[in-house]
């Protein structure tokens, strides 16, 4: 029964994890967004307090 011999299955497991941990993240992180984020302005917005007559 081939399931009892761990040698080929362990190698497949190790190589698949190497692909998932090394190759795929580098390919995903290499992509750039077509819409780059623009920095927000540094000025603060004026907020008004609410002067509601609470009863």
PDB file of N, CA and C in Angstrom:
ATOM      1  N   UNK A   1       0.841  -1.177   0.000  1.00  0.00           N
ATOM      2  CA  UNK A   1       0.000   0.000   0.000  1.00  0.00           C
ATOM      3  C   UNK A   1       0.893   1.249   0.000  1.00  0.00           C
ATOM      4  N   UNK A   2       0.710   2.142  -0.947  1.00  0.00           N
ATOM      5  CA  UNK A   2       1.619   3.290  -1.059  1.00  0.00           C
ATOM      6  C   UNK A   2       1.437   4.319   0.053  1.00  0.00           C
ATOM      7  N   UNK A   3       0.332   4.286   0.778  1.00  0.00           N
ATOM      8  CA  UNK A   3       0.120   5.272   1.827  1.00  0.00           C
ATOM      9  C   UNK A   3       1.062   5.047   3.012  1.00  0.00           C
ATOM     10  N   UNK A   4       1.602   3.855   3.143  1.00  0.00           N
ATOM     11  CA  UNK A   4       2.470   3.562   4.276  1.00  0.00           C
ATOM     12  C   UNK A   4       3.891   4.063   4.058  1.00  0.00           C
ATOM     13  N   UNK A   5       4.257   4.408   2.837  1.00  0.00           N
ATOM     14  CA  UNK A   5       5.594   4.907   2.553  1.00  0.00           C
ATOM     15  C   UNK A   5       5.532   6.436   2.569  1.00  0.00           C
ATOM     16  N   UNK A   6       6.088   7.091   3.610  1.00  0.00           N
ATOM     17  CA  UNK A   6       5.939   8.545   3.715  1.00  0.00           C
ATOM     18  C   UNK A   6       6.918   9.342   2.857  1.00  0.00           C
ATOM     19  N   UNK A   7       7.886   8.694   2.244  1.00  0.00           N
ATOM     20  CA  UNK A   7       8.928   9.434   1.543  1.00  0.00           C
ATOM     21  C   UNK A   7       8.391  10.310   0.400  1.00  0.00           C
ATOM     22  N   UNK A   8       7.628   9.789  -0.567  1.00  0.00           N
ATOM     23  CA  UNK A   8       7.208  10.698  -1.640  1.00  0.00           C
ATOM     24  C   UNK A   8       6.171  11.716  -1.166  1.00  0.00           C
ATOM     25  N   UNK A   9       5.313  11.355  -0.236  1.00  0.00           N
ATOM     26  CA  UNK A   9       4.263  12.269   0.204  1.00  0.00           C
ATOM     27  C   UNK A   9       4.821  13.388   1.064  1.00  0.00           C
ATOM     28  N   UNK A  10       5.855  13.092   1.842  1.00  0.00           N
ATOM     29  CA  UNK A  10       6.482  14.140   2.642  1.00  0.00           C
ATOM     30  C   UNK A  10       7.195  15.154   1.753  1.00  0.00           C
ATOM     31  N   UNK A  11       7.839  14.672   0.698  1.00  0.00           N
ATOM     32  CA  UNK A  11       8.517  15.579  -0.233  1.00  0.00           C
ATOM     33  C   UNK A  11       7.494  16.466  -0.946  1.00  0.00           C
ATOM     34  N   UNK A  12       6.360  15.903  -1.335  1.00  0.00           N
ATOM     35  CA  UNK A  12       5.307  16.687  -1.976  1.00  0.00           C
ATOM     36  C   UNK A  12       4.776  17.728  -0.998  1.00  0.00           C
ATOM     37  N   UNK A  13       4.592  17.359   0.246  1.00  0.00           N
ATOM     38  CA  UNK A  13       4.122  18.301   1.264  1.00  0.00           C
ATOM     39  C   UNK A  13       5.119  19.448   1.455  1.00  0.00           C
ATOM     40  N   UNK A  14       6.395  19.121   1.552  1.00  0.00           N
ATOM     41  CA  UNK A  14       7.415  20.146   1.772  1.00  0.00           C
ATOM     42  C   UNK A  14       7.502  21.089   0.573  1.00  0.00           C
ATOM     43  N   UNK A  15       7.507  20.545  -0.640  1.00  0.00           N
ATOM     44  CA  UNK A  15       7.612  21.404  -1.822  1.00  0.00           C
ATOM     45  C   UNK A  15       6.369  22.259  -2.016  1.00  0.00           C
ATOM     46  N   UNK A  16       5.208  21.730  -1.704  1.00  0.00           N
ATOM     47  CA  UNK A  16       4.000  22.545  -1.838  1.00  0.00           C
ATOM     48  C   UNK A  16       4.000  23.685  -0.819  1.00  0.00           C
ATOM     49  N   UNK A  17       4.480  23.429   0.415  1.00  0.00           N
ATOM     50  CA  UNK A  17       4.552  24.514   1.398  1.00  0.00           C
ATOM     51  C   UNK A  17       5.608  25.541   1.022  1.00  0.00           C
ATOM     52  N   UNK A  18       6.694  25.095   0.413  1.00  0.00           N
ATOM     53  CA  UNK A  18       7.689  26.057  -0.059  1.00  0.00           C
ATOM     54  C   UNK A  18       7.101  26.967  -1.131  1.00  0.00           C
ATOM     55  N   UNK A  19       6.289  26.394  -2.008  1.00  0.00           N
ATOM     56  CA  UNK A  19       5.646  27.209  -3.035  1.00  0.00           C
ATOM     57  C   UNK A  19       4.685  28.197  -2.387  1.00  0.00           C
ATOM     58  N   UNK A  20       3.887  27.730  -1.428  1.00  0.00           N
ATOM     59  CA  UNK A  20       2.915  28.612  -0.779  1.00  0.00           C
ATOM     60  C   UNK A  20       3.585  29.711   0.043  1.00  0.00           C
ATOM     61  N   UNK A  21       4.727  29.426   0.649  1.00  0.00           N
ATOM     62  CA  UNK A  21       5.357  30.393   1.550  1.00  0.00           C
ATOM     63  C   UNK A  21       6.390  31.300   0.891  1.00  0.00           C
ATOM     64  N   UNK A  22       6.946  30.894  -0.237  1.00  0.00           N
ATOM     65  CA  UNK A  22       8.019  31.678  -0.841  1.00  0.00           C
ATOM     66  C   UNK A  22       7.607  32.273  -2.186  1.00  0.00           C
ATOM     67  N   UNK A  23       7.098  31.463  -3.078  1.00  0.00           N
ATOM     68  CA  UNK A  23       6.871  31.925  -4.448  1.00  0.00           C
ATOM     69  C   UNK A  23       5.587  32.733  -4.568  1.00  0.00           C
ATOM     70  N   UNK A  24       4.493  32.245  -4.033  1.00  0.00           N
ATOM     71  CA  UNK A  24       3.201  32.917  -4.207  1.00  0.00           C
ATOM     72  C   UNK A  24       3.159  34.289  -3.520  1.00  0.00           C
ATOM     73  N   UNK A  25       3.627  34.462  -2.268  1.00  0.00           N
ATOM     74  CA  UNK A  25       3.589  35.812  -1.672  1.00  0.00           C
ATOM     75  C   UNK A  25       4.424  36.832  -2.437  1.00  0.00           C
ATOM     76  N   UNK A  26       5.558  36.435  -2.985  1.00  0.00           N
ATOM     77  CA  UNK A  26       6.356  37.395  -3.744  1.00  0.00           C
ATOM     78  C   UNK A  26       5.644  37.818  -5.015  1.00  0.00           C
ATOM     79  N   UNK A  27       4.923  36.901  -5.651  1.00  0.00           N
ATOM     80  CA  UNK A  27       4.179  37.270  -6.853  1.00  0.00           C
ATOM     81  C   UNK A  27       3.000  38.175  -6.507  1.00  0.00           C
ATOM     82  N   UNK A  28       2.355  37.928  -5.390  1.00  0.00           N
ATOM     83  CA  UNK A  28       1.214  38.756  -5.001  1.00  0.00           C
ATOM     84  C   UNK A  28       1.679  40.153  -4.597  1.00  0.00           C
ATOM     85  N   UNK A  29       2.770  40.243  -3.849  1.00  0.00           N
ATOM     86  CA  UNK A  29       3.254  41.537  -3.397  1.00  0.00           C
ATOM     87  C   UNK A  29       3.889  42.349  -4.524  1.00  0.00           C
ATOM     88  N   UNK A  30       4.210  41.724  -5.636  1.00  0.00           N
ATOM     89  CA  UNK A  30       4.804  42.448  -6.747  1.00  0.00           C
ATOM     90  C   UNK A  30       3.778  43.274  -7.506  1.00  0.00           C
ATOM     91  N   UNK A  31       2.508  42.970  -7.350  1.00  0.00           N
ATOM     92  CA  UNK A  31       1.462  43.718  -8.051  1.00  0.00           C
ATOM     93  C   UNK A  31       1.301  45.096  -7.419  1.00  0.00           C
ATOM     94  N   UNK A  32       1.060  46.075  -8.260  1.00  0.00           N
ATOM     95  CA  UNK A  32       0.798  47.423  -7.769  1.00  0.00           C
ATOM     96  C   UNK A  32      -0.634  47.794  -8.100  1.00  0.00           C
ATOM     97  N   UNK A  33      -1.187  48.633  -7.301  1.00  0.00           N
ATOM     98  CA  UNK A  33      -2.555  49.070  -7.509  1.00  0.00           C
ATOM     99  C   UNK A  33      -2.587  50.121  -8.612  1.00  0.00           C
ATOM    100  N   UNK A  34      -3.550  50.053  -9.537  1.00  0.00           N
ATOM    101  CA  UNK A  34      -3.608  51.080 -10.584  1.00  0.00           C
ATOM    102  C   UNK A  34      -4.008  52.445 -10.041  1.00  0.00           C
ATOM    103  N   UNK A  35      -4.722  52.476  -8.942  1.00  0.00           N
ATOM    104  CA  UNK A  35      -5.131  53.735  -8.329  1.00  0.00           C
ATOM    105  C   UNK A  35      -4.310  53.940  -7.062  1.00  0.00           C
ATOM    106  N   UNK A  36      -3.260  54.704  -7.193  1.00  0.00           N
ATOM    107  CA  UNK A  36      -2.405  54.952  -6.038  1.00  0.00           C
ATOM    108  C   UNK A  36      -3.121  55.873  -5.056  1.00  0.00           C
ATOM    109  N   UNK A  37      -2.878  55.661  -3.791  1.00  0.00           N
ATOM    110  CA  UNK A  37      -3.513  56.467  -2.759  1.00  0.00           C
ATOM    111  C   UNK A  37      -2.876  57.857  -2.733  1.00  0.00           C
ATOM    112  N   UNK A  38      -3.705  58.877  -2.624  1.00  0.00           N
ATOM    113  CA  UNK A  38      -3.201  60.233  -2.500  1.00  0.00           C
ATOM    114  C   UNK A  38      -3.218  60.620  -1.030  1.00  0.00           C
ATOM    115  N   UNK A  39      -2.198  61.286  -0.543  1.00  0.00           N
ATOM    116  CA  UNK A  39      -2.192  61.667   0.879  1.00  0.00           C
ATOM    117  C   UNK A  39      -3.266  62.720   1.158  1.00  0.00           C
ATOM    118  N   UNK A  40      -3.880  62.606   2.309  1.00  0.00           N
ATOM    119  CA  UNK A  40      -4.901  63.566   2.698  1.00  0.00           C
ATOM    120  C   UNK A  40      -4.252  64.885   3.093  1.00  0.00           C
ATOM    121  N   UNK A  41      -5.012  65.944   2.972  1.00  0.00           N
ATOM    122  CA  UNK A  41      -4.471  67.253   3.331  1.00  0.00           C
ATOM    123  C   UNK A  41      -4.289  67.332   4.849  1.00  0.00           C
ATOM    124  N   UNK A  42      -3.359  68.158   5.271  1.00  0.00           N
ATOM    125  CA  UNK A  42      -3.023  68.243   6.684  1.00  0.00           C
ATOM    126  C   UNK A  42      -3.938  69.196   7.442  1.00  0.00           C
ATOM    127  N   UNK A  43      -4.765  69.950   6.731  1.00  0.00           N
ATOM    128  CA  UNK A  43      -5.615  70.911   7.429  1.00  0.00           C
ATOM    129  C   UNK A  43      -6.751  70.189   8.150  1.00  0.00           C
ATOM    130  N   UNK A  44      -7.096  70.698   9.314  1.00  0.00           N
ATOM    131  CA  UNK A  44      -8.162  70.090  10.095  1.00  0.00           C
ATOM    132  C   UNK A  44      -9.496  70.718   9.704  1.00  0.00           C
ATOM    133  N   UNK A  45     -10.508  69.888   9.691  1.00  0.00           N
ATOM    134  CA  UNK A  45     -11.834  70.380   9.354  1.00  0.00           C
ATOM    135  C   UNK A  45     -12.460  71.053  10.574  1.00  0.00           C
ATOM    136  N   UNK A  46     -13.199  72.109  10.313  1.00  0.00           N
ATOM    137  CA  UNK A  46     -13.850  72.800  11.417  1.00  0.00           C
ATOM    138  C   UNK A  46     -15.116  72.043  11.806  1.00  0.00           C
ATOM    139  N   UNK A  47     -15.233  71.767  13.070  1.00  0.00           N
ATOM    140  CA  UNK A  47     -16.438  71.107  13.574  1.00  0.00           C
ATOM    141  C   UNK A  47     -17.156  72.068  14.504  1.00  0.00           C
ATOM    142  N   UNK A  48     -18.448  72.035  14.435  1.00  0.00           N
ATOM    143  CA  UNK A  48     -19.258  72.902  15.282  1.00  0.00           C
ATOM    144  C   UNK A  48     -19.924  72.061  16.360  1.00  0.00           C
ATOM    145  N   UNK A  49     -19.977  72.607  17.564  1.00  0.00           N
ATOM    146  CA  UNK A  49     -20.637  71.868  18.630  1.00  0.00           C
ATOM    147  C   UNK A  49     -22.142  72.036  18.485  1.00  0.00           C
ATOM    148  N   UNK A  50     -22.868  71.060  18.975  1.00  0.00           N
ATOM    149  CA  UNK A  50     -24.329  71.099  18.890  1.00  0.00           C
ATOM    150  C   UNK A  50     -24.855  71.745  20.167  1.00  0.00           C
ATOM    151  N   UNK A  51     -25.545  72.847  20.021  1.00  0.00           N
ATOM    152  CA  UNK A  51     -26.113  73.537  21.165  1.00  0.00           C
ATOM    153  C   UNK A  51     -27.625  73.280  21.211  1.00  0.00           C
ATOM    154  N   UNK A  52     -27.955  72.042  21.444  1.00  0.00           N
ATOM    155  CA  UNK A  52     -29.379  71.687  21.498  1.00  0.00           C
ATOM    156  C   UNK A  52     -29.866  71.830  22.922  1.00  0.00           C
ATOM    157  N   UNK A  53     -31.042  72.411  23.107  1.00  0.00           N
ATOM    158  CA  UNK A  53     -31.589  72.545  24.467  1.00  0.00           C
ATOM    159  C   UNK A  53     -32.164  71.206  24.939  1.00  0.00           C
ATOM    160  N   UNK A  54     -31.417  70.496  25.768  1.00  0.00           N
ATOM    161  CA  UNK A  54     -31.917  69.220  26.299  1.00  0.00           C
ATOM    162  C   UNK A  54     -32.790  69.510  27.521  1.00  0.00           C
ATOM    163  N   UNK A  55     -33.832  68.764  27.666  1.00  0.00           N
ATOM    164  CA  UNK A  55     -34.751  68.976  28.783  1.00  0.00           C
ATOM    165  C   UNK A  55     -34.627  67.895  29.821  1.00  0.00           C
TER     166      UNK A  55
END
